[in-house]
Amino acid sequence: MNLPELQKKLIATTRASAPDDRVPYAFEKRVTALIQARAVPKGFDSWVQGLWRAALPCVAIAVVCGAWAFFAPDNSASTSDDLSQNFDNTLLASVDSSDANQ
């Protein structure tokens, strides 16, 4: 279909009809201004929106985990195993055994 010919026919038909009184004054200008004012999302805009939407659930999960760690019963007092001491003893075991052999 020939687009310029179609455009001419549509414009001629539109000009021939009388404007409707039900349409508010400058309605088409407001609509076109709103369409032009809409920002087209660029490269990282969708990522930024997603990350901002995920920020509140992440904070909520962090608060729940922190409260759970703070209010959880302390079971380490009943056991005599200290992880830091076991780690040091394991790392220094070879040094201590080599010093004892000399």
PDB file of N, CA and C in Angstrom:
ATOM      1  N   MET A   1       0.847  -1.173   0.000  1.00  0.00           N
ATOM      2  CA  MET A   1       0.000   0.000   0.000  1.00  0.00           C
ATOM      3  C   MET A   1       0.892   1.236   0.000  1.00  0.00           C
ATOM      4  N   ASN A   2       0.448   2.242  -0.704  1.00  0.00           N
ATOM      5  CA  ASN A   2       1.187   3.487  -0.822  1.00  0.00           C
ATOM      6  C   ASN A   2       0.911   4.351   0.413  1.00  0.00           C
ATOM      7  N   LEU A   3       1.903   4.494   1.263  1.00  0.00           N
ATOM      8  CA  LEU A   3       1.716   5.223   2.525  1.00  0.00           C
ATOM      9  C   LEU A   3       1.447   6.715   2.341  1.00  0.00           C
ATOM     10  N   PRO A   4       2.144   7.423   1.467  1.00  0.00           N
ATOM     11  CA  PRO A   4       1.812   8.855   1.304  1.00  0.00           C
ATOM     12  C   PRO A   4       0.377   9.071   0.798  1.00  0.00           C
ATOM     13  N   GLU A   5      -0.081   8.187  -0.086  1.00  0.00           N
ATOM     14  CA  GLU A   5      -1.456   8.311  -0.592  1.00  0.00           C
ATOM     15  C   GLU A   5      -2.462   8.064   0.519  1.00  0.00           C
ATOM     16  N   LEU A   6      -2.201   7.048   1.361  1.00  0.00           N
ATOM     17  CA  LEU A   6      -3.072   6.750   2.497  1.00  0.00           C
ATOM     18  C   LEU A   6      -3.098   7.922   3.477  1.00  0.00           C
ATOM     19  N   GLN A   7      -1.942   8.516   3.723  1.00  0.00           N
ATOM     20  CA  GLN A   7      -1.867   9.656   4.634  1.00  0.00           C
ATOM     21  C   GLN A   7      -2.688  10.832   4.100  1.00  0.00           C
ATOM     22  N   LYS A   8      -2.595  11.100   2.820  1.00  0.00           N
ATOM     23  CA  LYS A   8      -3.379  12.193   2.216  1.00  0.00           C
ATOM     24  C   LYS A   8      -4.876  11.937   2.360  1.00  0.00           C
ATOM     25  N   LYS A   9      -5.307  10.682   2.129  1.00  0.00           N
ATOM     26  CA  LYS A   9      -6.723  10.349   2.243  1.00  0.00           C
ATOM     27  C   LYS A   9      -7.220  10.514   3.680  1.00  0.00           C
ATOM     28  N   LEU A  10      -6.411  10.066   4.635  1.00  0.00           N
ATOM     29  CA  LEU A  10      -6.812  10.179   6.039  1.00  0.00           C
ATOM     30  C   LEU A  10      -6.898  11.633   6.486  1.00  0.00           C
ATOM     31  N   ILE A  11      -5.947  12.443   6.066  1.00  0.00           N
ATOM     32  CA  ILE A  11      -5.965  13.856   6.442  1.00  0.00           C
ATOM     33  C   ILE A  11      -7.165  14.557   5.803  1.00  0.00           C
ATOM     34  N   ALA A  12      -7.457  14.228   4.554  1.00  0.00           N
ATOM     35  CA  ALA A  12      -8.610  14.852   3.877  1.00  0.00           C
ATOM     36  C   ALA A  12      -9.919  14.464   4.557  1.00  0.00           C
ATOM     37  N   THR A  13     -10.050  13.202   4.956  1.00  0.00           N
ATOM     38  CA  THR A  13     -11.259  12.747   5.646  1.00  0.00           C
ATOM     39  C   THR A  13     -11.391  13.415   7.002  1.00  0.00           C
ATOM     40  N   THR A  14     -10.307  13.582   7.698  1.00  0.00           N
ATOM     41  CA  THR A  14     -10.323  14.202   9.016  1.00  0.00           C
ATOM     42  C   THR A  14     -10.700  15.679   8.918  1.00  0.00           C
ATOM     43  N   ARG A  15     -10.178  16.351   7.933  1.00  0.00           N
ATOM     44  CA  ARG A  15     -10.497  17.777   7.765  1.00  0.00           C
ATOM     45  C   ARG A  15     -11.952  17.983   7.360  1.00  0.00           C
ATOM     46  N   ALA A  16     -12.517  17.007   6.689  1.00  0.00           N
ATOM     47  CA  ALA A  16     -13.908  17.141   6.237  1.00  0.00           C
ATOM     48  C   ALA A  16     -14.898  16.983   7.384  1.00  0.00           C
ATOM     49  N   SER A  17     -14.539  16.242   8.394  1.00  0.00           N
ATOM     50  CA  SER A  17     -15.467  16.038   9.514  1.00  0.00           C
ATOM     51  C   SER A  17     -15.325  17.174  10.524  1.00  0.00           C
ATOM     52  N   ALA A  18     -16.447  17.510  11.154  1.00  0.00           N
ATOM     53  CA  ALA A  18     -16.455  18.590  12.142  1.00  0.00           C
ATOM     54  C   ALA A  18     -15.897  18.091  13.471  1.00  0.00           C
ATOM     55  N   PRO A  19     -15.209  18.958  14.209  1.00  0.00           N
ATOM     56  CA  PRO A  19     -14.682  18.522  15.504  1.00  0.00           C
ATOM     57  C   PRO A  19     -15.819  18.210  16.479  1.00  0.00           C
ATOM     58  N   ASP A  20     -15.577  17.249  17.318  1.00  0.00           N
ATOM     59  CA  ASP A  20     -16.585  16.813  18.287  1.00  0.00           C
ATOM     60  C   ASP A  20     -16.499  17.695  19.532  1.00  0.00           C
ATOM     61  N   ASP A  21     -17.661  18.058  20.065  1.00  0.00           N
ATOM     62  CA  ASP A  21     -17.691  18.909  21.254  1.00  0.00           C
ATOM     63  C   ASP A  21     -17.354  18.161  22.535  1.00  0.00           C
ATOM     64  N   ARG A  22     -17.388  16.858  22.504  1.00  0.00           N
ATOM     65  CA  ARG A  22     -17.119  16.068  23.716  1.00  0.00           C
ATOM     66  C   ARG A  22     -15.629  16.007  24.061  1.00  0.00           C
ATOM     67  N   VAL A  23     -14.769  16.315  23.115  1.00  0.00           N
ATOM     68  CA  VAL A  23     -13.326  16.269  23.348  1.00  0.00           C
ATOM     69  C   VAL A  23     -12.902  17.563  24.014  1.00  0.00           C
ATOM     70  N   PRO A  24     -12.177  17.506  25.143  1.00  0.00           N
ATOM     71  CA  PRO A  24     -11.740  18.729  25.820  1.00  0.00           C
ATOM     72  C   PRO A  24     -10.773  19.539  24.961  1.00  0.00           C
ATOM     73  N   TYR A  25     -10.692  20.816  25.272  1.00  0.00           N
ATOM     74  CA  TYR A  25      -9.819  21.722  24.535  1.00  0.00           C
ATOM     75  C   TYR A  25      -8.354  21.299  24.710  1.00  0.00           C
ATOM     76  N   ALA A  26      -7.589  21.262  23.628  1.00  0.00           N
ATOM     77  CA  ALA A  26      -6.157  20.931  23.583  1.00  0.00           C
ATOM     78  C   ALA A  26      -5.863  19.541  24.140  1.00  0.00           C
ATOM     79  N   PHE A  27      -6.803  18.631  23.964  1.00  0.00           N
ATOM     80  CA  PHE A  27      -6.607  17.267  24.452  1.00  0.00           C
ATOM     81  C   PHE A  27      -5.434  16.588  23.754  1.00  0.00           C
ATOM     82  N   GLU A  28      -5.353  16.757  22.444  1.00  0.00           N
ATOM     83  CA  GLU A  28      -4.291  16.093  21.676  1.00  0.00           C
ATOM     84  C   GLU A  28      -2.915  16.638  22.066  1.00  0.00           C
ATOM     85  N   LYS A  29      -2.842  17.908  22.414  1.00  0.00           N
ATOM     86  CA  LYS A  29      -1.556  18.479  22.830  1.00  0.00           C
ATOM     87  C   LYS A  29      -1.109  17.899  24.173  1.00  0.00           C
ATOM     88  N   ARG A  30      -2.058  17.689  25.073  1.00  0.00           N
ATOM     89  CA  ARG A  30      -1.717  17.078  26.373  1.00  0.00           C
ATOM     90  C   ARG A  30      -1.262  15.645  26.198  1.00  0.00           C
ATOM     91  N   VAL A  31      -1.939  14.917  25.318  1.00  0.00           N
ATOM     92  CA  VAL A  31      -1.565  13.517  25.099  1.00  0.00           C
ATOM     93  C   VAL A  31      -0.181  13.424  24.471  1.00  0.00           C
ATOM     94  N   THR A  32       0.076  14.239  23.457  1.00  0.00           N
ATOM     95  CA  THR A  32       1.395  14.195  22.827  1.00  0.00           C
ATOM     96  C   THR A  32       2.489  14.667  23.784  1.00  0.00           C
ATOM     97  N   ALA A  33       2.195  15.610  24.654  1.00  0.00           N
ATOM     98  CA  ALA A  33       3.190  16.054  25.644  1.00  0.00           C
ATOM     99  C   ALA A  33       3.499  14.936  26.630  1.00  0.00           C
ATOM    100  N   LEU A  34       2.479  14.186  27.030  1.00  0.00           N
ATOM    101  CA  LEU A  34       2.719  13.063  27.938  1.00  0.00           C
ATOM    102  C   LEU A  34       3.533  11.963  27.271  1.00  0.00           C
ATOM    103  N   ILE A  35       3.253  11.705  25.999  1.00  0.00           N
ATOM    104  CA  ILE A  35       4.013  10.675  25.281  1.00  0.00           C
ATOM    105  C   ILE A  35       5.470  11.092  25.144  1.00  0.00           C
ATOM    106  N   GLN A  36       5.706  12.353  24.824  1.00  0.00           N
ATOM    107  CA  GLN A  36       7.081  12.833  24.669  1.00  0.00           C
ATOM    108  C   GLN A  36       7.814  12.914  25.997  1.00  0.00           C
ATOM    109  N   ALA A  37       7.076  13.112  27.091  1.00  0.00           N
ATOM    110  CA  ALA A  37       7.714  13.244  28.403  1.00  0.00           C
ATOM    111  C   ALA A  37       8.155  11.897  28.964  1.00  0.00           C
ATOM    112  N   ARG A  38       7.580  10.823  28.465  1.00  0.00           N
ATOM    113  CA  ARG A  38       7.977   9.501  28.963  1.00  0.00           C
ATOM    114  C   ARG A  38       9.425   9.230  28.610  1.00  0.00           C
ATOM    115  N   ALA A  39      10.188   8.852  29.602  1.00  0.00           N
ATOM    116  CA  ALA A  39      11.600   8.570  29.375  1.00  0.00           C
ATOM    117  C   ALA A  39      11.754   7.161  28.817  1.00  0.00           C
ATOM    118  N   VAL A  40      12.550   7.045  27.805  1.00  0.00           N
ATOM    119  CA  VAL A  40      12.822   5.739  27.228  1.00  0.00           C
ATOM    120  C   VAL A  40      13.892   5.077  28.084  1.00  0.00           C
ATOM    121  N   PRO A  41      13.638   3.856  28.594  1.00  0.00           N
ATOM    122  CA  PRO A  41      14.647   3.212  29.433  1.00  0.00           C
ATOM    123  C   PRO A  41      15.927   2.954  28.649  1.00  0.00           C
ATOM    124  N   LYS A  42      17.023   3.295  29.280  1.00  0.00           N
ATOM    125  CA  LYS A  42      18.319   3.105  28.643  1.00  0.00           C
ATOM    126  C   LYS A  42      18.958   1.836  29.176  1.00  0.00           C
ATOM    127  N   GLY A  43      20.220   1.667  28.924  1.00  0.00           N
ATOM    128  CA  GLY A  43      20.937   0.434  29.203  1.00  0.00           C
ATOM    129  C   GLY A  43      20.724  -0.184  30.567  1.00  0.00           C
ATOM    130  N   PHE A  44      21.046   0.516  31.635  1.00  0.00           N
ATOM    131  CA  PHE A  44      21.034  -0.069  32.965  1.00  0.00           C
ATOM    132  C   PHE A  44      19.817   0.333  33.799  1.00  0.00           C
ATOM    133  N   ASP A  45      18.863   1.029  33.214  1.00  0.00           N
ATOM    134  CA  ASP A  45      17.706   1.487  33.980  1.00  0.00           C
ATOM    135  C   ASP A  45      16.901   0.332  34.563  1.00  0.00           C
ATOM    136  N   SER A  46      16.706  -0.716  33.785  1.00  0.00           N
ATOM    137  CA  SER A  46      15.935  -1.849  34.304  1.00  0.00           C
ATOM    138  C   SER A  46      16.693  -2.545  35.438  1.00  0.00           C
ATOM    139  N   TRP A  47      18.015  -2.615  35.326  1.00  0.00           N
ATOM    140  CA  TRP A  47      18.802  -3.211  36.415  1.00  0.00           C
ATOM    141  C   TRP A  47      18.698  -2.368  37.683  1.00  0.00           C
ATOM    142  N   VAL A  48      18.776  -1.068  37.531  1.00  0.00           N
ATOM    143  CA  VAL A  48      18.710  -0.180  38.690  1.00  0.00           C
ATOM    144  C   VAL A  48      17.356  -0.304  39.377  1.00  0.00           C
ATOM    145  N   GLN A  49      16.293  -0.343  38.596  1.00  0.00           N
ATOM    146  CA  GLN A  49      14.957  -0.494  39.177  1.00  0.00           C
ATOM    147  C   GLN A  49      14.835  -1.826  39.908  1.00  0.00           C
ATOM    148  N   GLY A  50      15.348  -2.883  39.321  1.00  0.00           N
ATOM    149  CA  GLY A  50      15.292  -4.191  39.968  1.00  0.00           C
ATOM    150  C   GLY A  50      16.086  -4.237  41.262  1.00  0.00           C
ATOM    151  N   LEU A  51      17.252  -3.619  41.263  1.00  0.00           N
ATOM    152  CA  LEU A  51      18.072  -3.614  42.477  1.00  0.00           C
ATOM    153  C   LEU A  51      17.431  -2.788  43.587  1.00  0.00           C
ATOM    154  N   TRP A  52      16.812  -1.665  43.228  1.00  0.00           N
ATOM    155  CA  TRP A  52      16.124  -0.880  44.252  1.00  0.00           C
ATOM    156  C   TRP A  52      14.932  -1.628  44.815  1.00  0.00           C
ATOM    157  N   ARG A  53      14.246  -2.385  43.965  1.00  0.00           N
ATOM    158  CA  ARG A  53      13.112  -3.177  44.462  1.00  0.00           C
ATOM    159  C   ARG A  53      13.585  -4.325  45.346  1.00  0.00           C
ATOM    160  N   ALA A  54      14.787  -4.816  45.125  1.00  0.00           N
ATOM    161  CA  ALA A  54      15.311  -5.921  45.914  1.00  0.00           C
ATOM    162  C   ALA A  54      15.983  -5.451  47.200  1.00  0.00           C
ATOM    163  N   ALA A  55      16.201  -4.167  47.369  1.00  0.00           N
ATOM    164  CA  ALA A  55      16.922  -3.664  48.538  1.00  0.00           C
ATOM    165  C   ALA A  55      16.154  -3.914  49.833  1.00  0.00           C
ATOM    166  N   LEU A  56      14.875  -3.648  49.852  1.00  0.00           N
ATOM    167  CA  LEU A  56      14.083  -3.834  51.076  1.00  0.00           C
ATOM    168  C   LEU A  56      14.013  -5.303  51.509  1.00  0.00           C
ATOM    169  N   PRO A  57      13.756  -6.251  50.600  1.00  0.00           N
ATOM    170  CA  PRO A  57      13.786  -7.658  51.040  1.00  0.00           C
ATOM    171  C   PRO A  57      15.160  -8.091  51.558  1.00  0.00           C
ATOM    172  N   CYS A  58      16.226  -7.574  50.971  1.00  0.00           N
ATOM    173  CA  CYS A  58      17.571  -7.921  51.451  1.00  0.00           C
ATOM    174  C   CYS A  58      17.811  -7.390  52.857  1.00  0.00           C
ATOM    175  N   VAL A  59      17.370  -6.180  53.120  1.00  0.00           N
ATOM    176  CA  VAL A  59      17.511  -5.610  54.468  1.00  0.00           C
ATOM    177  C   VAL A  59      16.679  -6.416  55.458  1.00  0.00           C
ATOM    178  N   ALA A  60      15.473  -6.803  55.061  1.00  0.00           N
ATOM    179  CA  ALA A  60      14.619  -7.600  55.946  1.00  0.00           C
ATOM    180  C   ALA A  60      15.256  -8.946  56.263  1.00  0.00           C
ATOM    181  N   ILE A  61      15.835  -9.595  55.263  1.00  0.00           N
ATOM    182  CA  ILE A  61      16.502 -10.887  55.492  1.00  0.00           C
ATOM    183  C   ILE A  61      17.706 -10.705  56.407  1.00  0.00           C
ATOM    184  N   ALA A  62      18.473  -9.620  56.219  1.00  0.00           N
ATOM    185  CA  ALA A  62      19.633  -9.365  57.071  1.00  0.00           C
ATOM    186  C   ALA A  62      19.210  -9.127  58.519  1.00  0.00           C
ATOM    187  N   VAL A  63      18.115  -8.400  58.723  1.00  0.00           N
ATOM    188  CA  VAL A  63      17.630  -8.140  60.085  1.00  0.00           C
ATOM    189  C   VAL A  63      17.159  -9.433  60.736  1.00  0.00           C
ATOM    190  N   VAL A  64      16.441 -10.264  59.997  1.00  0.00           N
ATOM    191  CA  VAL A  64      15.970 -11.540  60.543  1.00  0.00           C
ATOM    192  C   VAL A  64      17.146 -12.443  60.895  1.00  0.00           C
ATOM    193  N   CYS A  65      18.137 -12.536  60.022  1.00  0.00           N
ATOM    194  CA  CYS A  65      19.318 -13.365  60.314  1.00  0.00           C
ATOM    195  C   CYS A  65      20.101 -12.814  61.506  1.00  0.00           C
ATOM    196  N   GLY A  66      20.226 -11.496  61.592  1.00  0.00           N
ATOM    197  CA  GLY A  66      20.924 -10.910  62.735  1.00  0.00           C
ATOM    198  C   GLY A  66      20.189 -11.155  64.040  1.00  0.00           C
ATOM    199  N   ALA A  67      18.866 -11.037  64.014  1.00  0.00           N
ATOM    200  CA  ALA A  67      18.082 -11.309  65.227  1.00  0.00           C
ATOM    201  C   ALA A  67      18.180 -12.771  65.612  1.00  0.00           C
ATOM    202  N   TRP A  68      18.161 -13.645  64.632  1.00  0.00           N
ATOM    203  CA  TRP A  68      18.285 -15.083  64.915  1.00  0.00           C
ATOM    204  C   TRP A  68      19.645 -15.392  65.535  1.00  0.00           C
ATOM    205  N   ALA A  69      20.707 -14.793  65.001  1.00  0.00           N
ATOM    206  CA  ALA A  69      22.038 -15.024  65.555  1.00  0.00           C
ATOM    207  C   ALA A  69      22.171 -14.422  66.950  1.00  0.00           C
ATOM    208  N   PHE A  70      21.524 -13.290  67.192  1.00  0.00           N
ATOM    209  CA  PHE A  70      21.625 -12.627  68.487  1.00  0.00           C
ATOM    210  C   PHE A  70      20.820 -13.351  69.567  1.00  0.00           C
ATOM    211  N   PHE A  71      19.628 -13.803  69.219  1.00  0.00           N
ATOM    212  CA  PHE A  71      18.753 -14.411  70.210  1.00  0.00           C
ATOM    213  C   PHE A  71      18.829 -15.934  70.256  1.00  0.00           C
ATOM    214  N   ALA A  72      19.646 -16.549  69.416  1.00  0.00           N
ATOM    215  CA  ALA A  72      19.775 -18.004  69.425  1.00  0.00           C
ATOM    216  C   ALA A  72      20.476 -18.438  70.712  1.00  0.00           C
ATOM    217  N   PRO A  73      20.084 -19.585  71.277  1.00  0.00           N
ATOM    218  CA  PRO A  73      20.771 -20.050  72.484  1.00  0.00           C
ATOM    219  C   PRO A  73      22.232 -20.355  72.191  1.00  0.00           C
ATOM    220  N   ASP A  74      23.089 -20.013  73.139  1.00  0.00           N
ATOM    221  CA  ASP A  74      24.526 -20.181  72.969  1.00  0.00           C
ATOM    222  C   ASP A  74      24.918 -21.589  73.411  1.00  0.00           C
ATOM    223  N   ASN A  75      25.190 -22.469  72.467  1.00  0.00           N
ATOM    224  CA  ASN A  75      25.564 -23.845  72.764  1.00  0.00           C
ATOM    225  C   ASN A  75      27.075 -24.031  72.859  1.00  0.00           C
ATOM    226  N   SER A  76      27.853 -23.002  72.558  1.00  0.00           N
ATOM    227  CA  SER A  76      29.304 -23.149  72.577  1.00  0.00           C
ATOM    228  C   SER A  76      29.853 -23.197  74.008  1.00  0.00           C
ATOM    229  N   ALA A  77      29.115 -22.718  75.003  1.00  0.00           N
ATOM    230  CA  ALA A  77      29.598 -22.742  76.377  1.00  0.00           C
ATOM    231  C   ALA A  77      29.611 -24.164  76.928  1.00  0.00           C
ATOM    232  N   SER A  78      28.761 -25.027  76.431  1.00  0.00           N
ATOM    233  CA  SER A  78      28.692 -26.390  76.944  1.00  0.00           C
ATOM    234  C   SER A  78      29.799 -27.266  76.385  1.00  0.00           C
ATOM    235  N   THR A  79      30.365 -26.909  75.264  1.00  0.00           N
ATOM    236  CA  THR A  79      31.456 -27.699  74.687  1.00  0.00           C
ATOM    237  C   THR A  79      32.776 -26.999  74.944  1.00  0.00           C
ATOM    238  N   SER A  80      33.812 -27.773  75.106  1.00  0.00           N
ATOM    239  CA  SER A  80      35.124 -27.205  75.398  1.00  0.00           C
ATOM    240  C   SER A  80      35.945 -26.987  74.138  1.00  0.00           C
ATOM    241  N   ASP A  81      35.411 -27.299  72.980  1.00  0.00           N
ATOM    242  CA  ASP A  81      36.149 -27.120  71.730  1.00  0.00           C
ATOM    243  C   ASP A  81      36.137 -25.660  71.318  1.00  0.00           C
ATOM    244  N   ASP A  82      37.323 -25.119  71.170  1.00  0.00           N
ATOM    245  CA  ASP A  82      37.469 -23.761  70.686  1.00  0.00           C
ATOM    246  C   ASP A  82      38.082 -23.852  69.296  1.00  0.00           C
ATOM    247  N   LEU A  83      37.376 -23.374  68.317  1.00  0.00           N
ATOM    248  CA  LEU A  83      37.812 -23.514  66.930  1.00  0.00           C
ATOM    249  C   LEU A  83      39.153 -22.832  66.699  1.00  0.00           C
ATOM    250  N   SER A  84      39.354 -21.667  67.290  1.00  0.00           N
ATOM    251  CA  SER A  84      40.617 -20.965  67.069  1.00  0.00           C
ATOM    252  C   SER A  84      41.791 -21.746  67.657  1.00  0.00           C
ATOM    253  N   GLN A  85      41.601 -22.348  68.829  1.00  0.00           N
ATOM    254  CA  GLN A  85      42.676 -23.147  69.430  1.00  0.00           C
ATOM    255  C   GLN A  85      42.956 -24.407  68.613  1.00  0.00           C
ATOM    256  N   ASN A  86      41.903 -25.055  68.146  1.00  0.00           N
ATOM    257  CA  ASN A  86      42.102 -26.249  67.311  1.00  0.00           C
ATOM    258  C   ASN A  86      42.820 -25.890  66.014  1.00  0.00           C
ATOM    259  N   PHE A  87      42.499 -24.768  65.441  1.00  0.00           N
ATOM    260  CA  PHE A  87      43.139 -24.324  64.204  1.00  0.00           C
ATOM    261  C   PHE A  87      44.620 -24.036  64.440  1.00  0.00           C
ATOM    262  N   ASP A  88      44.936 -23.308  65.511  1.00  0.00           N
ATOM    263  CA  ASP A  88      46.338 -23.020  65.826  1.00  0.00           C
ATOM    264  C   ASP A  88      47.120 -24.293  66.099  1.00  0.00           C
ATOM    265  N   ASN A  89      46.544 -25.206  66.863  1.00  0.00           N
ATOM    266  CA  ASN A  89      47.233 -26.455  67.170  1.00  0.00           C
ATOM    267  C   ASN A  89      47.491 -27.277  65.918  1.00  0.00           C
ATOM    268  N   THR A  90      46.557 -27.274  64.982  1.00  0.00           N
ATOM    269  CA  THR A  90      46.734 -28.027  63.739  1.00  0.00           C
ATOM    270  C   THR A  90      47.823 -27.407  62.884  1.00  0.00           C
ATOM    271  N   LEU A  91      47.857 -26.091  62.774  1.00  0.00           N
ATOM    272  CA  LEU A  91      48.860 -25.440  61.954  1.00  0.00           C
ATOM    273  C   LEU A  91      50.258 -25.545  62.569  1.00  0.00           C
ATOM    274  N   LEU A  92      50.328 -25.465  63.880  1.00  0.00           N
ATOM    275  CA  LEU A  92      51.636 -25.471  64.536  1.00  0.00           C
ATOM    276  C   LEU A  92      52.102 -26.871  64.923  1.00  0.00           C
ATOM    277  N   ALA A  93      51.327 -27.894  64.620  1.00  0.00           N
ATOM    278  CA  ALA A  93      51.696 -29.250  64.989  1.00  0.00           C
ATOM    279  C   ALA A  93      52.980 -29.687  64.287  1.00  0.00           C
ATOM    280  N   SER A  94      53.119 -29.342  63.030  1.00  0.00           N
ATOM    281  CA  SER A  94      54.320 -29.738  62.296  1.00  0.00           C
ATOM    282  C   SER A  94      55.534 -28.971  62.810  1.00  0.00           C
ATOM    283  N   VAL A  95      55.389 -27.728  63.187  1.00  0.00           N
ATOM    284  CA  VAL A  95      56.504 -26.934  63.720  1.00  0.00           C
ATOM    285  C   VAL A  95      56.934 -27.479  65.075  1.00  0.00           C
ATOM    286  N   ASP A  96      55.958 -27.845  65.922  1.00  0.00           N
ATOM    287  CA  ASP A  96      56.280 -28.372  67.230  1.00  0.00           C
ATOM    288  C   ASP A  96      56.963 -29.732  67.139  1.00  0.00           C
ATOM    289  N   SER A  97      56.533 -30.573  66.218  1.00  0.00           N
ATOM    290  CA  SER A  97      57.148 -31.894  66.091  1.00  0.00           C
ATOM    291  C   SER A  97      58.551 -31.793  65.515  1.00  0.00           C
ATOM    292  N   SER A  98      58.819 -30.865  64.629  1.00  0.00           N
ATOM    293  CA  SER A  98      60.165 -30.712  64.075  1.00  0.00           C
ATOM    294  C   SER A  98      61.122 -30.129  65.134  1.00  0.00           C
ATOM    295  N   ASP A  99      60.634 -29.275  66.042  1.00  0.00           N
ATOM    296  CA  ASP A  99      61.470 -28.728  67.110  1.00  0.00           C
ATOM    297  C   ASP A  99      61.798 -29.805  68.126  1.00  0.00           C
ATOM    298  N   ALA A 100      60.905 -30.732  68.389  1.00  0.00           N
ATOM    299  CA  ALA A 100      61.131 -31.777  69.367  1.00  0.00           C
ATOM    300  C   ALA A 100      62.130 -32.806  68.847  1.00  0.00           C
ATOM    301  N   ASN A 101      62.225 -33.021  67.548  1.00  0.00           N
ATOM    302  CA  ASN A 101      63.139 -34.006  66.960  1.00  0.00           C
ATOM    303  C   ASN A 101      64.576 -33.507  66.955  1.00  0.00           C
ATOM    304  N   GLN A 102      64.838 -32.246  67.060  1.00  0.00           N
ATOM    305  CA  GLN A 102      66.209 -31.741  66.979  1.00  0.00           C
ATOM    306  C   GLN A 102      66.886 -31.709  68.279  1.00  0.00           C
TER     307      GLN A 102
END
